[in-house]
Amino acid sequence: LSTGDTLGVACRWSAATRPAAARYHLIRSVDLAPRQRIYNVWLGGRRAHLDTDVKPGQSIRYAVLAVTSTGRVVSVGGPIVVAIPAASPSASTE
């Protein structure tokens, strides 16, 4: 997703079907670096997040974890890999 100067990845997921699920954690890994949790929400909350901490040329893996109230993972969605397009070269004015 790119709107003018804003570059981002829109992440959305469906509701968990596991009865023990209490919240969601959206995690990502940029260019195979360690995973980072970037969004948390309770089960009835908004199942969407716009990740604007992206840069041209990155490869980002996203996954959603459904976890219990104590943090135990009961379901995993993904990973999905998103390639952020490299920046286009600036036009030369010679």
PDB file of N, CA and C in Angstrom:
ATOM      1  N   LEU A   1       0.861  -1.176   0.000  1.00  0.00           N
ATOM      2  CA  LEU A   1       0.000   0.000   0.000  1.00  0.00           C
ATOM      3  C   LEU A   1       0.896   1.224   0.000  1.00  0.00           C
ATOM      4  N   SER A   2       0.675   2.095  -0.919  1.00  0.00           N
ATOM      5  CA  SER A   2       1.454   3.327  -0.987  1.00  0.00           C
ATOM      6  C   SER A   2       0.510   4.467  -1.326  1.00  0.00           C
ATOM      7  N   THR A   3       0.495   5.470  -0.453  1.00  0.00           N
ATOM      8  CA  THR A   3      -0.337   6.641  -0.702  1.00  0.00           C
ATOM      9  C   THR A   3       0.542   7.871  -0.555  1.00  0.00           C
ATOM     10  N   GLY A   4       1.006   8.387  -1.665  1.00  0.00           N
ATOM     11  CA  GLY A   4       1.892   9.544  -1.604  1.00  0.00           C
ATOM     12  C   GLY A   4       3.210   9.161  -0.966  1.00  0.00           C
ATOM     13  N   ASP A   5       3.515   9.774   0.163  1.00  0.00           N
ATOM     14  CA  ASP A   5       4.766   9.496   0.863  1.00  0.00           C
ATOM     15  C   ASP A   5       4.640   8.370   1.883  1.00  0.00           C
ATOM     16  N   THR A   6       3.442   7.803   2.065  1.00  0.00           N
ATOM     17  CA  THR A   6       3.241   6.751   3.060  1.00  0.00           C
ATOM     18  C   THR A   6       3.317   5.382   2.404  1.00  0.00           C
ATOM     19  N   LEU A   7       4.176   4.534   2.945  1.00  0.00           N
ATOM     20  CA  LEU A   7       4.329   3.170   2.482  1.00  0.00           C
ATOM     21  C   LEU A   7       3.935   2.271   3.639  1.00  0.00           C
ATOM     22  N   GLY A   8       3.138   1.245   3.380  1.00  0.00           N
ATOM     23  CA  GLY A   8       2.729   0.368   4.471  1.00  0.00           C
ATOM     24  C   GLY A   8       2.148  -0.930   3.959  1.00  0.00           C
ATOM     25  N   VAL A   9       1.952  -1.859   4.891  1.00  0.00           N
ATOM     26  CA  VAL A   9       1.356  -3.159   4.596  1.00  0.00           C
ATOM     27  C   VAL A   9       0.092  -3.287   5.441  1.00  0.00           C
ATOM     28  N   ALA A  10      -1.035  -3.493   4.770  1.00  0.00           N
ATOM     29  CA  ALA A  10      -2.309  -3.681   5.462  1.00  0.00           C
ATOM     30  C   ALA A  10      -2.443  -5.157   5.824  1.00  0.00           C
ATOM     31  N   CYS A  11      -2.553  -5.443   7.121  1.00  0.00           N
ATOM     32  CA  CYS A  11      -2.678  -6.814   7.614  1.00  0.00           C
ATOM     33  C   CYS A  11      -4.091  -7.015   8.163  1.00  0.00           C
ATOM     34  N   ARG A  12      -4.763  -8.067   7.711  1.00  0.00           N
ATOM     35  CA  ARG A  12      -6.100  -8.415   8.203  1.00  0.00           C
ATOM     36  C   ARG A  12      -6.174  -9.913   8.370  1.00  0.00           C
ATOM     37  N   TRP A  13      -6.980 -10.359   9.327  1.00  0.00           N
ATOM     38  CA  TRP A  13      -7.130 -11.795   9.536  1.00  0.00           C
ATOM     39  C   TRP A  13      -8.534 -12.110  10.015  1.00  0.00           C
ATOM     40  N   SER A  14      -8.924 -13.374   9.830  1.00  0.00           N
ATOM     41  CA  SER A  14     -10.254 -13.810  10.248  1.00  0.00           C
ATOM     42  C   SER A  14     -10.240 -14.223  11.718  1.00  0.00           C
ATOM     43  N   ALA A  15     -11.417 -14.374  12.272  1.00  0.00           N
ATOM     44  CA  ALA A  15     -11.558 -14.722  13.689  1.00  0.00           C
ATOM     45  C   ALA A  15     -11.031 -16.133  13.962  1.00  0.00           C
ATOM     46  N   ALA A  16     -10.454 -16.298  15.128  1.00  0.00           N
ATOM     47  CA  ALA A  16      -9.979 -17.619  15.555  1.00  0.00           C
ATOM     48  C   ALA A  16     -11.173 -18.522  15.830  1.00  0.00           C
ATOM     49  N   THR A  17     -10.993 -19.811  15.547  1.00  0.00           N
ATOM     50  CA  THR A  17     -12.065 -20.781  15.798  1.00  0.00           C
ATOM     51  C   THR A  17     -11.804 -21.605  17.059  1.00  0.00           C
ATOM     52  N   ARG A  18     -10.667 -21.428  17.668  1.00  0.00           N
ATOM     53  CA  ARG A  18     -10.336 -22.157  18.903  1.00  0.00           C
ATOM     54  C   ARG A  18     -11.023 -21.499  20.088  1.00  0.00           C
ATOM     55  N   PRO A  19     -11.802 -22.265  20.870  1.00  0.00           N
ATOM     56  CA  PRO A  19     -12.528 -21.655  21.988  1.00  0.00           C
ATOM     57  C   PRO A  19     -11.625 -21.046  23.065  1.00  0.00           C
ATOM     58  N   ALA A  20     -10.399 -21.528  23.202  1.00  0.00           N
ATOM     59  CA  ALA A  20      -9.500 -21.015  24.247  1.00  0.00           C
ATOM     60  C   ALA A  20      -8.850 -19.685  23.874  1.00  0.00           C
ATOM     61  N   ALA A  21      -8.929 -19.286  22.613  1.00  0.00           N
ATOM     62  CA  ALA A  21      -8.274 -18.045  22.170  1.00  0.00           C
ATOM     63  C   ALA A  21      -8.866 -16.839  22.892  1.00  0.00           C
ATOM     64  N   ALA A  22      -7.982 -15.955  23.351  1.00  0.00           N
ATOM     65  CA  ALA A  22      -8.415 -14.755  24.071  1.00  0.00           C
ATOM     66  C   ALA A  22      -7.917 -13.470  23.421  1.00  0.00           C
ATOM     67  N   ARG A  23      -6.814 -13.565  22.681  1.00  0.00           N
ATOM     68  CA  ARG A  23      -6.266 -12.379  22.020  1.00  0.00           C
ATOM     69  C   ARG A  23      -5.414 -12.791  20.840  1.00  0.00           C
ATOM     70  N   TYR A  24      -5.045 -11.790  20.036  1.00  0.00           N
ATOM     71  CA  TYR A  24      -4.198 -12.011  18.876  1.00  0.00           C
ATOM     72  C   TYR A  24      -2.897 -11.241  19.027  1.00  0.00           C
ATOM     73  N   HIS A  25      -1.808 -11.828  18.523  1.00  0.00           N
ATOM     74  CA  HIS A  25      -0.522 -11.144  18.402  1.00  0.00           C
ATOM     75  C   HIS A  25      -0.151 -11.183  16.923  1.00  0.00           C
ATOM     76  N   LEU A  26       0.099 -10.025  16.341  1.00  0.00           N
ATOM     77  CA  LEU A  26       0.617  -9.952  14.980  1.00  0.00           C
ATOM     78  C   LEU A  26       2.120  -9.830  15.096  1.00  0.00           C
ATOM     79  N   ILE A  27       2.838 -10.743  14.453  1.00  0.00           N
ATOM     80  CA  ILE A  27       4.297 -10.715  14.518  1.00  0.00           C
ATOM     81  C   ILE A  27       4.852 -10.575  13.106  1.00  0.00           C
ATOM     82  N   ARG A  28       6.088 -10.095  13.036  1.00  0.00           N
ATOM     83  CA  ARG A  28       6.747  -9.968  11.742  1.00  0.00           C
ATOM     84  C   ARG A  28       8.235 -10.224  11.893  1.00  0.00           C
ATOM     85  N   SER A  29       8.851 -10.566  10.778  1.00  0.00           N
ATOM     86  CA  SER A  29      10.296 -10.725  10.690  1.00  0.00           C
ATOM     87  C   SER A  29      10.723 -10.016   9.415  1.00  0.00           C
ATOM     88  N   VAL A  30      11.639  -9.065   9.547  1.00  0.00           N
ATOM     89  CA  VAL A  30      12.116  -8.287   8.399  1.00  0.00           C
ATOM     90  C   VAL A  30      13.445  -8.864   7.930  1.00  0.00           C
ATOM     91  N   ASP A  31      13.491  -9.257   6.665  1.00  0.00           N
ATOM     92  CA  ASP A  31      14.719  -9.785   6.064  1.00  0.00           C
ATOM     93  C   ASP A  31      15.351 -10.891   6.914  1.00  0.00           C
ATOM     94  N   LEU A  32      14.521 -11.800   7.418  1.00  0.00           N
ATOM     95  CA  LEU A  32      14.918 -12.965   8.220  1.00  0.00           C
ATOM     96  C   LEU A  32      15.518 -12.616   9.577  1.00  0.00           C
ATOM     97  N   ALA A  33      15.313 -11.403  10.052  1.00  0.00           N
ATOM     98  CA  ALA A  33      15.749 -11.007  11.400  1.00  0.00           C
ATOM     99  C   ALA A  33      14.828 -11.676  12.428  1.00  0.00           C
ATOM    100  N   PRO A  34      15.154 -11.595  13.721  1.00  0.00           N
ATOM    101  CA  PRO A  34      14.268 -12.156  14.748  1.00  0.00           C
ATOM    102  C   PRO A  34      12.864 -11.564  14.668  1.00  0.00           C
ATOM    103  N   ARG A  35      11.886 -12.356  15.082  1.00  0.00           N
ATOM    104  CA  ARG A  35      10.487 -11.920  15.048  1.00  0.00           C
ATOM    105  C   ARG A  35      10.247 -10.785  16.040  1.00  0.00           C
ATOM    106  N   GLN A  36       9.309  -9.902  15.665  1.00  0.00           N
ATOM    107  CA  GLN A  36       8.885  -8.792  16.522  1.00  0.00           C
ATOM    108  C   GLN A  36       7.368  -8.841  16.629  1.00  0.00           C
ATOM    109  N   ARG A  37       6.858  -8.625  17.817  1.00  0.00           N
ATOM    110  CA  ARG A  37       5.410  -8.481  17.976  1.00  0.00           C
ATOM    111  C   ARG A  37       5.089  -7.017  17.707  1.00  0.00           C
ATOM    112  N   ILE A  38       4.202  -6.759  16.728  1.00  0.00           N
ATOM    113  CA  ILE A  38       3.929  -5.371  16.346  1.00  0.00           C
ATOM    114  C   ILE A  38       2.513  -4.922  16.662  1.00  0.00           C
ATOM    115  N   TYR A  39       1.622  -5.863  17.037  1.00  0.00           N
ATOM    116  CA  TYR A  39       0.236  -5.477  17.318  1.00  0.00           C
ATOM    117  C   TYR A  39      -0.390  -6.545  18.203  1.00  0.00           C
ATOM    118  N   ASN A  40      -1.152  -6.105  19.198  1.00  0.00           N
ATOM    119  CA  ASN A  40      -1.886  -6.998  20.096  1.00  0.00           C
ATOM    120  C   ASN A  40      -3.319  -6.509  20.203  1.00  0.00           C
ATOM    121  N   VAL A  41      -4.251  -7.437  20.250  1.00  0.00           N
ATOM    122  CA  VAL A  41      -5.651  -7.042  20.403  1.00  0.00           C
ATOM    123  C   VAL A  41      -6.428  -8.199  21.040  1.00  0.00           C
ATOM    124  N   TRP A  42      -7.416  -7.848  21.854  1.00  0.00           N
ATOM    125  CA  TRP A  42      -8.292  -8.863  22.438  1.00  0.00           C
ATOM    126  C   TRP A  42      -9.140  -9.491  21.349  1.00  0.00           C
ATOM    127  N   LEU A  43      -9.672 -10.645  21.609  1.00  0.00           N
ATOM    128  CA  LEU A  43     -10.410 -11.430  20.625  1.00  0.00           C
ATOM    129  C   LEU A  43     -11.509 -10.635  19.927  1.00  0.00           C
ATOM    130  N   GLY A  44     -12.243  -9.795  20.648  1.00  0.00           N
ATOM    131  CA  GLY A  44     -13.330  -9.029  20.039  1.00  0.00           C
ATOM    132  C   GLY A  44     -12.891  -7.725  19.421  1.00  0.00           C
ATOM    133  N   GLY A  45     -11.590  -7.455  19.407  1.00  0.00           N
ATOM    134  CA  GLY A  45     -11.079  -6.178  18.898  1.00  0.00           C
ATOM    135  C   GLY A  45     -10.918  -6.168  17.390  1.00  0.00           C
ATOM    136  N   ARG A  46     -10.264  -5.144  16.921  1.00  0.00           N
ATOM    137  CA  ARG A  46     -10.070  -4.929  15.481  1.00  0.00           C
ATOM    138  C   ARG A  46      -9.018  -5.900  14.941  1.00  0.00           C
ATOM    139  N   ARG A  47      -9.411  -6.731  14.003  1.00  0.00           N
ATOM    140  CA  ARG A  47      -8.507  -7.713  13.409  1.00  0.00           C
ATOM    141  C   ARG A  47      -7.848  -7.145  12.154  1.00  0.00           C
ATOM    142  N   ALA A  48      -7.187  -6.021  12.315  1.00  0.00           N
ATOM    143  CA  ALA A  48      -6.498  -5.364  11.205  1.00  0.00           C
ATOM    144  C   ALA A  48      -5.448  -4.415  11.760  1.00  0.00           C
ATOM    145  N   HIS A  49      -4.382  -4.249  11.001  1.00  0.00           N
ATOM    146  CA  HIS A  49      -3.310  -3.346  11.418  1.00  0.00           C
ATOM    147  C   HIS A  49      -2.593  -2.861  10.162  1.00  0.00           C
ATOM    148  N   LEU A  50      -2.226  -1.583  10.132  1.00  0.00           N
ATOM    149  CA  LEU A  50      -1.429  -1.030   9.041  1.00  0.00           C
ATOM    150  C   LEU A  50      -0.001  -0.871   9.542  1.00  0.00           C
ATOM    151  N   ASP A  51       0.897  -1.657   9.000  1.00  0.00           N
ATOM    152  CA  ASP A  51       2.313  -1.605   9.376  1.00  0.00           C
ATOM    153  C   ASP A  51       3.001  -0.582   8.483  1.00  0.00           C
ATOM    154  N   THR A  52       3.323   0.571   9.047  1.00  0.00           N
ATOM    155  CA  THR A  52       3.979   1.630   8.277  1.00  0.00           C
ATOM    156  C   THR A  52       5.485   1.668   8.516  1.00  0.00           C
ATOM    157  N   ASP A  53       5.988   0.763   9.344  1.00  0.00           N
ATOM    158  CA  ASP A  53       7.423   0.701   9.611  1.00  0.00           C
ATOM    159  C   ASP A  53       8.075  -0.225   8.577  1.00  0.00           C
ATOM    160  N   VAL A  54       7.961   0.163   7.312  1.00  0.00           N
ATOM    161  CA  VAL A  54       8.519  -0.627   6.218  1.00  0.00           C
ATOM    162  C   VAL A  54       9.387   0.271   5.349  1.00  0.00           C
ATOM    163  N   LYS A  55      10.342  -0.370   4.658  1.00  0.00           N
ATOM    164  CA  LYS A  55      11.251   0.378   3.797  1.00  0.00           C
ATOM    165  C   LYS A  55      11.364  -0.327   2.443  1.00  0.00           C
ATOM    166  N   PRO A  56      11.600   0.436   1.387  1.00  0.00           N
ATOM    167  CA  PRO A  56      11.755  -0.173   0.065  1.00  0.00           C
ATOM    168  C   PRO A  56      12.828  -1.266   0.065  1.00  0.00           C
ATOM    169  N   GLY A  57      12.521  -2.361  -0.628  1.00  0.00           N
ATOM    170  CA  GLY A  57      13.467  -3.466  -0.753  1.00  0.00           C
ATOM    171  C   GLY A  57      13.384  -4.521   0.339  1.00  0.00           C
ATOM    172  N   GLN A  58      12.591  -4.292   1.379  1.00  0.00           N
ATOM    173  CA  GLN A  58      12.488  -5.269   2.465  1.00  0.00           C
ATOM    174  C   GLN A  58      11.617  -6.460   2.072  1.00  0.00           C
ATOM    175  N   SER A  59      11.914  -7.592   2.679  1.00  0.00           N
ATOM    176  CA  SER A  59      11.066  -8.776   2.599  1.00  0.00           C
ATOM    177  C   SER A  59      10.573  -9.026   4.025  1.00  0.00           C
ATOM    178  N   ILE A  60       9.253  -9.011   4.210  1.00  0.00           N
ATOM    179  CA  ILE A  60       8.688  -9.094   5.558  1.00  0.00           C
ATOM    180  C   ILE A  60       7.755 -10.301   5.647  1.00  0.00           C
ATOM    181  N   ARG A  61       7.961 -11.135   6.674  1.00  0.00           N
ATOM    182  CA  ARG A  61       7.089 -12.276   6.949  1.00  0.00           C
ATOM    183  C   ARG A  61       6.161 -11.886   8.089  1.00  0.00           C
ATOM    184  N   TYR A  62       4.850 -12.059   7.872  1.00  0.00           N
ATOM    185  CA  TYR A  62       3.846 -11.768   8.893  1.00  0.00           C
ATOM    186  C   TYR A  62       3.156 -13.050   9.312  1.00  0.00           C
ATOM    187  N   ALA A  63       2.809 -13.148  10.590  1.00  0.00           N
ATOM    188  CA  ALA A  63       1.999 -14.251  11.102  1.00  0.00           C
ATOM    189  C   ALA A  63       1.129 -13.711  12.223  1.00  0.00           C
ATOM    190  N   VAL A  64      -0.019 -14.352  12.420  1.00  0.00           N
ATOM    191  CA  VAL A  64      -0.928 -13.993  13.509  1.00  0.00           C
ATOM    192  C   VAL A  64      -1.011 -15.184  14.447  1.00  0.00           C
ATOM    193  N   LEU A  65      -0.824 -14.923  15.724  1.00  0.00           N
ATOM    194  CA  LEU A  65      -0.951 -15.958  16.748  1.00  0.00           C
ATOM    195  C   LEU A  65      -2.220 -15.701  17.535  1.00  0.00           C
ATOM    196  N   ALA A  66      -3.032 -16.729  17.703  1.00  0.00           N
ATOM    197  CA  ALA A  66      -4.167 -16.654  18.629  1.00  0.00           C
ATOM    198  C   ALA A  66      -3.668 -17.274  19.926  1.00  0.00           C
ATOM    199  N   VAL A  67      -3.781 -16.550  21.026  1.00  0.00           N
ATOM    200  CA  VAL A  67      -3.241 -17.017  22.296  1.00  0.00           C
ATOM    201  C   VAL A  67      -4.316 -16.994  23.377  1.00  0.00           C
ATOM    202  N   THR A  68      -4.096 -17.807  24.410  1.00  0.00           N
ATOM    203  CA  THR A  68      -5.005 -17.829  25.560  1.00  0.00           C
ATOM    204  C   THR A  68      -4.722 -16.619  26.434  1.00  0.00           C
ATOM    205  N   SER A  69      -5.514 -16.451  27.478  1.00  0.00           N
ATOM    206  CA  SER A  69      -5.305 -15.325  28.397  1.00  0.00           C
ATOM    207  C   SER A  69      -3.975 -15.437  29.135  1.00  0.00           C
ATOM    208  N   THR A  70      -3.380 -16.633  29.182  1.00  0.00           N
ATOM    209  CA  THR A  70      -2.075 -16.814  29.832  1.00  0.00           C
ATOM    210  C   THR A  70      -0.921 -16.767  28.841  1.00  0.00           C
ATOM    211  N   GLY A  71      -1.222 -16.571  27.543  1.00  0.00           N
ATOM    212  CA  GLY A  71      -0.175 -16.435  26.545  1.00  0.00           C
ATOM    213  C   GLY A  71       0.169 -17.696  25.773  1.00  0.00           C
ATOM    214  N   ARG A  72      -0.534 -18.801  26.011  1.00  0.00           N
ATOM    215  CA  ARG A  72      -0.261 -20.046  25.287  1.00  0.00           C
ATOM    216  C   ARG A  72      -0.834 -19.938  23.873  1.00  0.00           C
ATOM    217  N   VAL A  73      -0.017 -20.268  22.883  1.00  0.00           N
ATOM    218  CA  VAL A  73      -0.445 -20.201  21.486  1.00  0.00           C
ATOM    219  C   VAL A  73      -1.378 -21.370  21.195  1.00  0.00           C
ATOM    220  N   VAL A  74      -2.575 -21.051  20.662  1.00  0.00           N
ATOM    221  CA  VAL A  74      -3.539 -22.100  20.318  1.00  0.00           C
ATOM    222  C   VAL A  74      -3.791 -22.188  18.813  1.00  0.00           C
ATOM    223  N   SER A  75      -3.338 -21.195  18.052  1.00  0.00           N
ATOM    224  CA  SER A  75      -3.522 -21.225  16.602  1.00  0.00           C
ATOM    225  C   SER A  75      -2.557 -20.240  15.963  1.00  0.00           C
ATOM    226  N   VAL A  76      -2.106 -20.596  14.745  1.00  0.00           N
ATOM    227  CA  VAL A  76      -1.180 -19.733  14.007  1.00  0.00           C
ATOM    228  C   VAL A  76      -1.714 -19.544  12.597  1.00  0.00           C
ATOM    229  N   GLY A  77      -1.729 -18.301  12.159  1.00  0.00           N
ATOM    230  CA  GLY A  77      -2.075 -17.982  10.775  1.00  0.00           C
ATOM    231  C   GLY A  77      -0.850 -17.441  10.079  1.00  0.00           C
ATOM    232  N   GLY A  78      -0.507 -18.008   8.933  1.00  0.00           N
ATOM    233  CA  GLY A  78       0.659 -17.553   8.189  1.00  0.00           C
ATOM    234  C   GLY A  78       1.802 -18.521   8.337  1.00  0.00           C
ATOM    235  N   PRO A  79       2.978 -18.155   7.966  1.00  0.00           N
ATOM    236  CA  PRO A  79       3.378 -16.800   7.597  1.00  0.00           C
ATOM    237  C   PRO A  79       3.021 -16.446   6.156  1.00  0.00           C
ATOM    238  N   ILE A  80       2.888 -15.165   5.953  1.00  0.00           N
ATOM    239  CA  ILE A  80       2.699 -14.576   4.629  1.00  0.00           C
ATOM    240  C   ILE A  80       3.925 -13.691   4.384  1.00  0.00           C
ATOM    241  N   VAL A  81       4.514 -13.814   3.223  1.00  0.00           N
ATOM    242  CA  VAL A  81       5.695 -13.008   2.891  1.00  0.00           C
ATOM    243  C   VAL A  81       5.276 -11.866   1.972  1.00  0.00           C
ATOM    244  N   VAL A  82       5.696 -10.653   2.331  1.00  0.00           N
ATOM    245  CA  VAL A  82       5.407  -9.456   1.540  1.00  0.00           C
ATOM    246  C   VAL A  82       6.740  -8.841   1.123  1.00  0.00           C
ATOM    247  N   ALA A  83       6.905  -8.624  -0.166  1.00  0.00           N
ATOM    248  CA  ALA A  83       8.110  -7.968  -0.685  1.00  0.00           C
ATOM    249  C   ALA A  83       7.774  -6.507  -0.954  1.00  0.00           C
ATOM    250  N   ILE A  84       8.466  -5.621  -0.261  1.00  0.00           N
ATOM    251  CA  ILE A  84       8.275  -4.186  -0.481  1.00  0.00           C
ATOM    252  C   ILE A  84       9.105  -3.811  -1.714  1.00  0.00           C
ATOM    253  N   PRO A  85       8.489  -3.238  -2.735  1.00  0.00           N
ATOM    254  CA  PRO A  85       9.249  -2.899  -3.947  1.00  0.00           C
ATOM    255  C   PRO A  85      10.418  -1.962  -3.636  1.00  0.00           C
ATOM    256  N   ALA A  86      11.509  -2.174  -4.349  1.00  0.00           N
ATOM    257  CA  ALA A  86      12.677  -1.291  -4.201  1.00  0.00           C
ATOM    258  C   ALA A  86      12.308   0.096  -4.694  1.00  0.00           C
ATOM    259  N   ALA A  87      12.957   1.082  -4.147  1.00  0.00           N
ATOM    260  CA  ALA A  87      12.711   2.469  -4.567  1.00  0.00           C
ATOM    261  C   ALA A  87      13.121   2.628  -6.025  1.00  0.00           C
ATOM    262  N   SER A  88      12.311   3.326  -6.768  1.00  0.00           N
ATOM    263  CA  SER A  88      12.662   3.562  -8.181  1.00  0.00           C
ATOM    264  C   SER A  88      13.727   4.636  -8.253  1.00  0.00           C
ATOM    265  N   PRO A  89      14.653   4.498  -9.188  1.00  0.00           N
ATOM    266  CA  PRO A  89      15.716   5.526  -9.301  1.00  0.00           C
ATOM    267  C   PRO A  89      15.117   6.865  -9.686  1.00  0.00           C
ATOM    268  N   SER A  90      15.695   7.911  -9.141  1.00  0.00           N
ATOM    269  CA  SER A  90      15.228   9.277  -9.456  1.00  0.00           C
ATOM    270  C   SER A  90      15.601   9.618 -10.896  1.00  0.00           C
ATOM    271  N   ALA A  91      14.760  10.392 -11.510  1.00  0.00           N
ATOM    272  CA  ALA A  91      15.044  10.817 -12.891  1.00  0.00           C
ATOM    273  C   ALA A  91      16.225  11.782 -12.886  1.00  0.00           C
ATOM    274  N   SER A  92      17.080  11.605 -13.846  1.00  0.00           N
ATOM    275  CA  SER A  92      18.243  12.455 -13.980  1.00  0.00           C
ATOM    276  C   SER A  92      17.859  13.745 -14.717  1.00  0.00           C
ATOM    277  N   THR A  93      18.446  14.871 -14.309  1.00  0.00           N
ATOM    278  CA  THR A  93      18.145  16.160 -14.967  1.00  0.00           C
ATOM    279  C   THR A  93      19.413  16.730 -15.578  1.00  0.00           C
ATOM    280  N   GLU A  94      20.020  16.003 -16.498  1.00  0.00           N
ATOM    281  CA  GLU A  94      21.252  16.484 -17.152  1.00  0.00           C
ATOM    282  C   GLU A  94      20.945  17.258 -18.375  1.00  0.00           C
TER     283      GLU A  94
END
